[in-house]
Amino acid sequence: MTLRVLGIDPGTAVTGYGVVEPAAGRPGHLIECGVIRTHPKQDLWRRLDELYDGVRALIERHRPTVLALESIFYAKNVRTTVTLGHARGVILLAAAQADLDVAEFPPATVKKSVVGVGGATKEQVGYMVQQLLNLKEPPSPNDAADGVAVGLTYLLTRRGAQAQTR
């Protein structure tokens, strides 16, 4: 079975995703990327339902072997952190129901593994995703590039872990 990673940058309004596989001669190969958008004026529970359905559809369409997810960063606004936790919860539920392995990475780890700096900007992440995957342009919008970066982080750190165990 081929390793296929669904990388997700969670959010309740916009969730970025990227589906990547290992590739010879470069860190990975991009299968698809994009965003799942919900309407910000809808009730939170409706938005979470749409997010869950969107993630389930991605899982069914791409049959990933791993779901890589950006972990919660602690925002200054507690409400934002709690809302992000709800989004991560429905994403983790979709992964569990599909019996996927899950890997979680802090935002700084994603940035460091892709850009080399834990405090990289969204533009720097997009540019490096473009370079690492040999794309004509960075994935758009930035949330999609972030989702791809999460998937790439899994591939990059997995390779590093294998090299250390040999």
Protein backbone atom coordinates (compact mmCIF):
# COMPACT_ATOMS: atom_id res chain seq x y z
CA MET A 1 0.00 0.00 0.00
CA THR A 2 1.35 3.41 -0.99
CA LEU A 3 1.79 5.98 1.75
CA ARG A 4 -0.63 8.85 1.17
CA VAL A 5 -0.92 11.70 3.65
CA LEU A 6 -3.85 14.05 4.11
CA GLY A 7 -2.41 17.17 5.74
CA ILE A 8 -4.86 19.53 7.42
CA ASP A 9 -4.54 23.08 8.77
CA PRO A 10 -7.76 23.27 10.82
CA GLY A 11 -10.15 26.18 11.12
CA THR A 12 -13.88 26.69 11.43
CA ALA A 13 -14.16 29.28 8.64
CA VAL A 14 -11.39 27.95 6.38
CA THR A 15 -9.65 24.59 6.70
CA GLY A 16 -6.69 24.04 4.40
CA TYR A 17 -5.79 20.59 3.15
CA GLY A 18 -3.20 18.90 0.99
CA VAL A 19 -2.84 15.31 -0.15
CA VAL A 20 0.78 14.27 -0.67
CA GLU A 21 2.73 11.10 -1.37
CA PRO A 22 6.45 10.32 -1.20
CA ALA A 23 8.33 10.94 -4.46
CA ALA A 24 11.72 9.98 -5.79
CA GLY A 25 14.19 12.84 -5.79
CA ARG A 26 12.07 15.31 -3.82
CA PRO A 27 10.21 15.43 -0.50
CA GLY A 28 6.81 14.62 -1.96
CA HIS A 29 4.31 14.71 -4.78
CA LEU A 30 1.13 16.80 -4.55
CA ILE A 31 -2.08 14.98 -5.40
CA GLU A 32 -4.59 17.72 -4.49
CA CYS A 33 -4.91 20.74 -2.27
CA GLY A 34 -7.59 23.25 -1.42
CA VAL A 35 -9.80 24.54 1.33
CA ILE A 36 -13.05 23.63 3.02
CA ARG A 37 -15.00 26.83 3.66
CA THR A 38 -17.94 27.33 5.97
CA HIS A 39 -20.12 30.40 6.28
CA PRO A 40 -19.02 32.49 9.29
CA LYS A 41 -22.59 33.57 10.08
CA GLN A 42 -23.85 30.01 10.48
CA ASP A 43 -24.19 28.44 13.91
CA LEU A 44 -20.99 26.74 15.02
CA TRP A 45 -22.59 23.30 15.06
CA ARG A 46 -23.64 23.65 11.41
CA ARG A 47 -20.13 24.75 10.44
CA LEU A 48 -18.64 21.77 12.28
CA ASP A 49 -21.05 19.47 10.45
CA GLU A 50 -19.93 20.91 7.09
CA LEU A 51 -16.29 20.56 8.08
CA TYR A 52 -16.81 16.94 9.12
CA ASP A 53 -18.58 16.17 5.83
CA GLY A 54 -15.79 17.85 3.87
CA VAL A 55 -13.05 15.88 5.61
CA ARG A 56 -14.98 12.61 5.21
CA ALA A 57 -15.34 13.34 1.48
CA LEU A 58 -11.59 13.92 1.18
CA ILE A 59 -10.87 10.67 3.01
CA GLU A 60 -13.26 8.74 0.78
CA ARG A 61 -11.89 10.30 -2.42
CA HIS A 62 -8.17 9.95 -1.65
CA ARG A 63 -7.99 6.99 0.75
CA PRO A 64 -5.05 8.37 2.76
CA THR A 65 -3.08 6.11 5.07
CA VAL A 66 -2.29 8.94 7.50
CA LEU A 67 -3.96 12.16 8.56
CA ALA A 68 -1.44 14.83 9.60
CA LEU A 69 -2.96 17.65 11.60
CA GLU A 70 -1.66 20.92 12.92
CA SER A 71 -2.04 20.98 16.68
CA ILE A 72 -3.63 23.79 18.64
CA PHE A 73 -1.68 26.95 19.17
CA TYR A 74 -2.76 28.94 22.18
CA ALA A 75 -4.15 32.19 20.86
CA LYS A 76 -4.47 35.28 22.99
CA ASN A 77 -8.21 34.98 22.48
CA VAL A 78 -9.40 31.94 24.47
CA ARG A 79 -12.59 31.76 22.42
CA THR A 80 -10.52 31.31 19.24
CA THR A 81 -8.54 28.49 20.84
CA VAL A 82 -11.70 26.71 22.01
CA THR A 83 -13.38 27.07 18.60
CA LEU A 84 -10.27 25.67 16.90
CA GLY A 85 -10.45 22.75 19.33
CA HIS A 86 -13.98 21.99 18.11
CA ALA A 87 -12.76 21.96 14.50
CA ARG A 88 -9.89 19.64 15.37
CA GLY A 89 -12.33 17.38 17.21
CA VAL A 90 -14.53 16.73 14.18
CA ILE A 91 -11.43 16.23 11.99
CA LEU A 92 -10.05 13.69 14.48
CA LEU A 93 -13.45 11.98 14.60
CA ALA A 94 -13.48 11.62 10.80
CA ALA A 95 -9.95 10.15 10.95
CA ALA A 96 -10.88 7.73 13.73
CA GLN A 97 -13.99 6.54 11.90
CA ALA A 98 -11.84 5.87 8.81
CA ASP A 99 -9.29 4.02 11.00
CA LEU A 100 -6.46 6.35 9.94
CA ASP A 101 -3.23 6.85 11.78
CA VAL A 102 -2.99 10.46 13.02
CA ALA A 103 0.11 12.58 13.44
CA GLU A 104 -0.06 16.01 15.06
CA PHE A 105 2.48 18.79 14.64
CA PRO A 106 2.73 22.18 16.35
CA PRO A 107 2.63 25.13 13.91
CA ALA A 108 6.29 26.00 14.61
CA THR A 109 7.37 22.44 13.76
CA VAL A 110 5.52 22.61 10.43
CA LYS A 111 7.18 25.93 9.58
CA LYS A 112 10.61 24.73 10.66
CA SER A 113 10.41 21.46 8.70
CA VAL A 114 9.28 23.19 5.48
CA VAL A 115 10.97 26.60 5.67
CA GLY A 116 13.76 26.00 8.20
CA VAL A 117 12.46 28.68 10.60
CA GLY A 118 9.73 28.14 13.20
CA GLY A 119 8.46 31.71 12.87
CA ALA A 120 8.08 31.71 9.06
CA THR A 121 5.32 33.74 7.42
CA LYS A 122 2.47 32.22 5.42
CA GLU A 123 4.07 33.57 2.25
CA GLN A 124 7.37 31.86 3.08
CA VAL A 125 5.55 28.57 3.73
CA GLY A 126 3.75 28.83 0.38
CA TYR A 127 6.97 29.62 -1.46
CA MET A 128 8.84 26.68 0.08
CA VAL A 129 5.95 24.29 -0.59
CA GLN A 130 6.17 25.43 -4.23
CA GLN A 131 9.93 24.82 -4.29
CA LEU A 132 9.88 21.48 -2.48
CA LEU A 133 7.15 20.05 -4.70
CA ASN A 134 8.41 21.69 -7.90
CA LEU A 135 5.11 23.50 -8.52
CA LYS A 136 4.63 26.37 -10.98
CA GLU A 137 3.20 28.57 -8.21
CA PRO A 138 2.47 28.33 -4.49
CA PRO A 139 -0.77 26.61 -3.53
CA SER A 140 -3.55 29.15 -3.09
CA PRO A 141 -5.02 30.34 -0.82
CA ASN A 142 -2.43 30.34 1.98
CA ASP A 143 -4.57 27.92 4.01
CA ALA A 144 -4.19 25.31 1.24
CA ALA A 145 -0.41 25.79 1.28
CA ASP A 146 -0.48 25.34 5.05
CA GLY A 147 -2.39 22.07 4.69
CA VAL A 148 0.17 20.83 2.17
CA ALA A 149 2.97 21.90 4.54
CA VAL A 150 1.44 19.79 7.32
CA GLY A 151 1.40 16.75 5.02
CA LEU A 152 4.98 17.45 3.93
CA THR A 153 6.03 17.71 7.56
CA TYR A 154 4.86 14.16 8.06
CA LEU A 155 6.86 12.96 5.06
CA LEU A 156 9.98 14.92 6.06
CA THR A 157 9.94 13.92 9.73
CA ARG A 158 9.07 10.32 8.88
CA ARG A 159 12.14 10.10 6.65
CA GLY A 160 14.27 11.62 9.38
CA ALA A 161 12.93 9.13 11.93
CA GLN A 162 13.71 6.24 9.57
CA ALA A 163 17.24 7.51 9.01
CA GLN A 164 17.81 7.69 12.78
CA THR A 165 16.62 4.13 13.37
CA ARG A 166 18.83 2.54 10.68
